[in-house]
Amino acid sequence: MSEPVVKVENLEKEIEGRKILKGVSFEVREREIYSIIGGSGSGKTSITKHLVGLWKPTSGRVLVFGRDVAQMSGVELDELRKNIGYVFQEGALFDSLRVWENVGFYFLEHTNLSRKEIREIALQKLRLVDLDEDVMDLMPSELSGGMRKRVSIARAIATDPKLIIYDEPTSGLDPITSRIIDRLVLQLRERTGSTAVVVTHDMISAFTISDRLLVLRRGEVVAEGRPEEVINSPDPFVQNFIGSMKECLLHQNRTL
């Protein structure tokens, strides 16, 4: 088996005397879709901040592509982040830039490519998320919520990252659009060969798209495994967290 794309070993994070993460350990394998679920304040986003080097562990290790993120220099972190696409919860598009400029923002800021070349890159990435040249020159304010999310995903994959982190990818979307985004996450794995870490509170999404899931409670891991394993976890918190959605989740999983 190849080396994990992400390996978290006994991760602890303490801020002002409060433990945010308590001995969290997990691995994410190549081409896997791995979801992290839990209630508000459970530590989901804290984990992603460690993955991209924004936070350093109080103790434990976070390895991405086999390298200890906390030991990287600023230059090495910049190189790491080129290989990580990040889809922000609210899309975080630049309202003053057109769609193609948002998607090609990295190349506009960090390369000497011509605007024509960057437009072509942007169009290629937009097509990967099932959009086309019709949206290239629109402003973010002219897009629907689902289209904004697709554009933010296109921007995240602009540099052909090996790892994509999705922060609440279906947040703020209606159920139909949410399921469209779910299918897109699955399609992108096939189209790009990327690995995905998904932070979500959307239970249907998590149990539909994930190869494996991690359940957090107050910074601690309470369950991990394939969707059917987590659904059938004997842990009382997990059963309460899934709650009345269990039958729906079981049905959703059977229909994949």
Protein backbone atom coordinates (compact mmCIF):
# COMPACT_ATOMS: atom_id res chain seq x y z
CA MET A 1 0.00 0.00 0.00
CA SER A 2 1.30 3.48 -0.89
CA GLU A 3 2.14 6.07 1.74
CA PRO A 4 -0.92 7.96 3.07
CA VAL A 5 -1.55 11.40 1.59
CA VAL A 6 -2.40 12.62 5.10
CA LYS A 7 -1.24 11.06 8.36
CA VAL A 8 -2.24 12.61 11.68
CA GLU A 9 -0.58 11.14 14.75
CA ASN A 10 -1.92 11.85 18.25
CA LEU A 11 -2.65 15.49 17.39
CA GLU A 12 -3.16 17.76 20.39
CA LYS A 13 -3.94 21.47 20.20
CA GLU A 14 -4.28 23.73 23.21
CA ILE A 15 -5.17 27.42 23.04
CA GLU A 16 -5.16 29.59 26.17
CA GLY A 17 -5.45 26.54 28.39
CA ARG A 18 -8.33 25.02 26.44
CA LYS A 19 -7.80 21.75 24.59
CA ILE A 20 -9.18 22.04 21.06
CA LEU A 21 -7.93 18.65 19.81
CA LYS A 22 -7.25 15.66 22.05
CA GLY A 23 -5.12 12.88 20.64
CA VAL A 24 -6.61 12.81 17.14
CA SER A 25 -5.14 10.18 14.81
CA PHE A 26 -6.17 9.14 11.30
CA GLU A 27 -4.86 8.50 7.80
CA VAL A 28 -6.20 9.50 4.39
CA ARG A 29 -5.19 7.27 1.52
CA GLU A 30 -4.52 8.21 -2.08
CA ARG A 31 -7.71 8.95 -4.11
CA GLU A 32 -9.83 8.53 -1.00
CA ILE A 33 -12.73 10.80 -0.05
CA TYR A 34 -12.45 11.15 3.72
CA SER A 35 -15.05 13.15 5.63
CA ILE A 36 -14.75 14.70 9.07
CA ILE A 37 -18.08 15.23 10.82
CA GLY A 38 -19.15 16.48 14.23
CA GLY A 39 -21.08 19.23 15.92
CA SER A 40 -20.16 22.90 16.05
CA GLY A 41 -16.94 23.39 17.98
CA SER A 42 -15.93 19.74 17.71
CA GLY A 43 -12.57 20.58 16.09
CA LYS A 44 -13.25 19.85 12.41
CA THR A 45 -11.84 23.10 11.01
CA SER A 46 -8.99 23.03 13.55
CA ILE A 47 -7.74 19.87 11.85
CA THR A 48 -7.72 21.47 8.39
CA LYS A 49 -5.76 24.45 9.76
CA HIS A 50 -3.05 22.00 10.78
CA LEU A 51 -3.10 20.27 7.37
CA VAL A 52 -2.24 23.50 5.55
CA GLY A 53 0.23 24.74 8.16
CA LEU A 54 -1.79 27.64 9.55
CA TRP A 55 -1.60 26.08 13.02
CA LYS A 56 1.17 24.04 14.63
CA PRO A 57 0.36 21.16 16.98
CA THR A 58 0.84 21.52 20.71
CA SER A 59 1.97 17.90 20.42
CA GLY A 60 1.70 15.10 17.90
CA ARG A 61 2.46 15.21 14.19
CA VAL A 62 0.68 16.09 10.96
CA LEU A 63 2.23 14.65 7.82
CA VAL A 64 1.04 15.62 4.34
CA PHE A 65 2.61 13.88 1.34
CA GLY A 66 4.93 12.20 3.84
CA ARG A 67 6.35 15.43 5.29
CA ASP A 68 5.88 16.92 8.75
CA VAL A 69 4.00 20.17 8.12
CA ALA A 70 5.10 21.79 11.39
CA GLN A 71 8.77 21.42 10.39
CA MET A 72 8.40 23.16 7.02
CA SER A 73 9.91 26.54 6.21
CA GLY A 74 7.82 29.34 4.73
CA VAL A 75 9.01 28.47 1.22
CA GLU A 76 8.23 24.80 1.77
CA LEU A 77 4.74 25.67 3.05
CA ASP A 78 4.09 27.75 -0.07
CA GLU A 79 5.06 24.75 -2.20
CA LEU A 80 2.86 22.46 -0.11
CA ARG A 81 -0.14 24.75 -0.49
CA LYS A 82 0.24 24.70 -4.28
CA ASN A 83 -0.54 20.98 -4.01
CA ILE A 84 -3.57 21.54 -1.77
CA GLY A 85 -6.79 22.97 -3.16
CA TYR A 86 -9.03 24.60 -0.53
CA VAL A 87 -12.75 25.12 -1.10
CA PHE A 88 -13.94 27.67 1.45
CA GLN A 89 -17.30 27.37 3.17
CA GLU A 90 -18.88 30.44 1.60
CA GLY A 91 -16.95 30.18 -1.66
CA ALA A 92 -14.86 33.26 -0.79
CA LEU A 93 -14.85 34.54 -4.36
CA PHE A 94 -13.47 38.01 -5.04
CA ASP A 95 -16.57 40.08 -5.80
CA SER A 96 -14.61 42.61 -7.88
CA LEU A 97 -13.14 39.98 -10.22
CA ARG A 98 -14.81 38.16 -13.06
CA VAL A 99 -15.25 34.40 -12.93
CA TRP A 100 -12.20 33.64 -15.06
CA GLU A 101 -10.06 35.99 -12.95
CA ASN A 102 -11.22 34.24 -9.77
CA VAL A 103 -10.38 30.82 -11.17
CA GLY A 104 -7.04 32.00 -12.55
CA PHE A 105 -6.15 34.17 -9.55
CA TYR A 106 -3.03 32.19 -8.62
CA PHE A 107 -1.63 32.56 -12.13
CA LEU A 108 -2.48 36.27 -12.28
CA GLU A 109 -0.62 36.88 -9.03
CA HIS A 110 2.30 34.47 -9.22
CA THR A 111 3.18 33.87 -12.88
CA ASN A 112 4.01 35.77 -16.05
CA LEU A 113 1.40 33.97 -18.13
CA SER A 114 -0.61 36.17 -20.46
CA ARG A 115 -4.25 36.92 -19.69
CA LYS A 116 -5.19 34.85 -22.74
CA GLU A 117 -3.28 31.84 -21.39
CA ILE A 118 -4.85 32.24 -17.95
CA ARG A 119 -8.33 32.49 -19.49
CA GLU A 120 -7.68 29.19 -21.22
CA ILE A 121 -6.60 27.54 -17.96
CA ALA A 122 -9.70 28.94 -16.26
CA LEU A 123 -11.94 27.54 -18.99
CA GLN A 124 -10.36 24.09 -18.64
CA LYS A 125 -11.03 24.08 -14.89
CA LEU A 126 -14.57 25.41 -15.31
CA ARG A 127 -15.32 22.57 -17.70
CA LEU A 128 -14.17 20.11 -15.04
CA VAL A 129 -16.96 21.42 -12.80
CA ASP A 130 -19.49 21.35 -15.64
CA LEU A 131 -19.47 25.07 -16.45
CA ASP A 132 -18.44 26.65 -19.76
CA GLU A 133 -17.37 29.87 -21.44
CA ASP A 134 -20.81 31.44 -20.89
CA VAL A 135 -19.87 32.20 -17.28
CA MET A 136 -16.28 33.35 -17.88
CA ASP A 137 -16.97 37.08 -17.85
CA LEU A 138 -19.74 37.13 -15.27
CA MET A 139 -19.26 38.68 -11.85
CA PRO A 140 -19.83 36.51 -8.74
CA SER A 141 -22.96 38.53 -7.93
CA GLU A 142 -24.50 37.28 -11.19
CA LEU A 143 -24.14 33.60 -10.19
CA SER A 144 -26.52 31.34 -8.32
CA GLY A 145 -25.35 29.76 -5.07
CA GLY A 146 -24.62 26.47 -6.79
CA MET A 147 -22.67 28.16 -9.58
CA ARG A 148 -20.63 30.17 -7.06
CA LYS A 149 -19.72 26.92 -5.33
CA ARG A 150 -18.64 25.36 -8.64
CA VAL A 151 -16.49 28.37 -9.47
CA SER A 152 -14.84 28.17 -6.03
CA ILE A 153 -14.09 24.49 -6.68
CA ALA A 154 -12.67 25.35 -10.12
CA ARG A 155 -10.37 27.89 -8.43
CA ALA A 156 -9.31 25.27 -5.87
CA ILE A 157 -8.23 22.85 -8.61
CA ALA A 158 -6.55 25.50 -10.78
CA THR A 159 -3.02 24.39 -9.83
CA ASP A 160 -3.84 20.67 -10.24
CA PRO A 161 -3.56 19.90 -6.51
CA LYS A 162 -3.13 16.32 -5.33
CA LEU A 163 -5.24 17.02 -2.24
CA ILE A 164 -8.49 18.99 -2.09
CA ILE A 165 -9.95 20.18 1.22
CA TYR A 166 -13.66 20.96 1.10
CA ASP A 167 -14.91 23.09 4.00
CA GLU A 168 -18.70 22.59 4.22
CA PRO A 169 -19.13 22.24 0.43
CA THR A 170 -22.94 22.07 0.59
CA SER A 171 -23.42 24.83 3.19
CA GLY A 172 -26.17 27.28 2.25
CA LEU A 173 -27.38 25.20 -0.69
CA ASP A 174 -30.81 23.66 -1.17
CA PRO A 175 -31.07 19.83 -1.07
CA ILE A 176 -31.11 19.38 -4.86
CA THR A 177 -28.08 21.61 -5.43
CA SER A 178 -26.32 19.92 -2.51
CA ARG A 179 -26.66 16.53 -4.18
CA ILE A 180 -25.30 18.03 -7.43
CA ILE A 181 -22.21 19.22 -5.53
CA ASP A 182 -21.89 15.72 -3.98
CA ARG A 183 -21.79 14.18 -7.45
CA LEU A 184 -19.24 16.78 -8.53
CA VAL A 185 -16.91 15.86 -5.65
CA LEU A 186 -17.11 12.22 -6.75
CA GLN A 187 -16.58 13.14 -10.42
CA LEU A 188 -13.53 15.26 -9.63
CA ARG A 189 -11.88 12.32 -7.92
CA GLU A 190 -12.30 10.36 -11.17
CA ARG A 191 -11.41 13.25 -13.47
CA THR A 192 -8.31 14.48 -11.60
CA GLY A 193 -7.19 11.50 -9.49
CA SER A 194 -7.16 13.76 -6.43
CA THR A 195 -7.62 12.89 -2.78
CA ALA A 196 -10.28 14.74 -0.77
CA VAL A 197 -10.76 15.70 2.86
CA VAL A 198 -14.31 16.95 3.43
CA VAL A 199 -15.41 18.83 6.54
CA THR A 200 -19.19 18.82 6.68
CA HIS A 201 -22.27 18.92 8.88
CA ASP A 202 -24.36 17.56 5.96
CA MET A 203 -25.00 13.97 7.00
CA ILE A 204 -26.50 12.88 3.69
CA SER A 205 -23.47 14.27 1.86
CA ALA A 206 -20.96 12.69 4.23
CA PHE A 207 -22.49 9.22 4.10
CA THR A 208 -23.04 9.40 0.33
CA ILE A 209 -19.65 10.47 -0.97
CA SER A 210 -17.19 9.20 1.65
CA ASP A 211 -15.00 6.13 1.52
CA ARG A 212 -14.43 6.58 5.26
CA LEU A 213 -15.54 9.02 7.94
CA LEU A 214 -14.23 10.42 11.21
CA VAL A 215 -16.66 11.53 13.92
CA LEU A 216 -15.42 14.15 16.39
CA ARG A 217 -16.83 15.16 19.76
CA ARG A 218 -15.20 18.02 21.66
CA GLY A 219 -11.88 17.42 19.94
CA GLU A 220 -11.84 13.65 20.38
CA VAL A 221 -12.39 10.86 17.87
CA VAL A 222 -15.47 8.82 18.82
CA ALA A 223 -15.80 6.77 15.63
CA GLU A 224 -14.01 6.13 12.35
CA GLY A 225 -14.63 3.77 9.47
CA ARG A 226 -16.64 3.11 6.35
CA PRO A 227 -20.11 4.70 6.26
CA GLU A 228 -21.88 1.47 7.23
CA GLU A 229 -19.46 0.97 10.12
CA VAL A 230 -20.08 4.45 11.49
CA ILE A 231 -23.85 4.14 11.09
CA ASN A 232 -23.74 0.94 13.16
CA SER A 233 -21.31 2.27 15.77
CA PRO A 234 -22.38 1.34 19.31
CA ASP A 235 -21.14 4.67 20.65
CA PRO A 236 -24.11 6.54 22.21
CA PHE A 237 -22.91 9.92 20.98
CA VAL A 238 -22.67 8.68 17.37
CA GLN A 239 -26.16 7.16 17.53
CA ASN A 240 -27.56 10.37 19.02
CA PHE A 241 -25.68 12.50 16.46
CA ILE A 242 -27.04 10.49 13.53
CA GLY A 243 -30.38 10.25 15.30
CA SER A 244 -33.55 10.16 13.24
CA MET A 245 -31.54 10.30 10.00
CA LYS A 246 -30.20 6.76 10.43
CA GLU A 247 -32.80 5.03 8.25
CA CYS A 248 -32.44 7.69 5.57
CA LEU A 249 -28.66 7.32 5.68
CA LEU A 250 -28.86 3.55 5.44
CA HIS A 251 -31.16 3.83 2.43
CA GLN A 252 -28.93 6.47 0.82
CA ASN A 253 -25.88 4.23 1.31
CA ARG A 254 -27.65 1.20 -0.20
CA THR A 255 -28.54 3.16 -3.33
CA LEU A 256 -24.95 4.23 -4.19
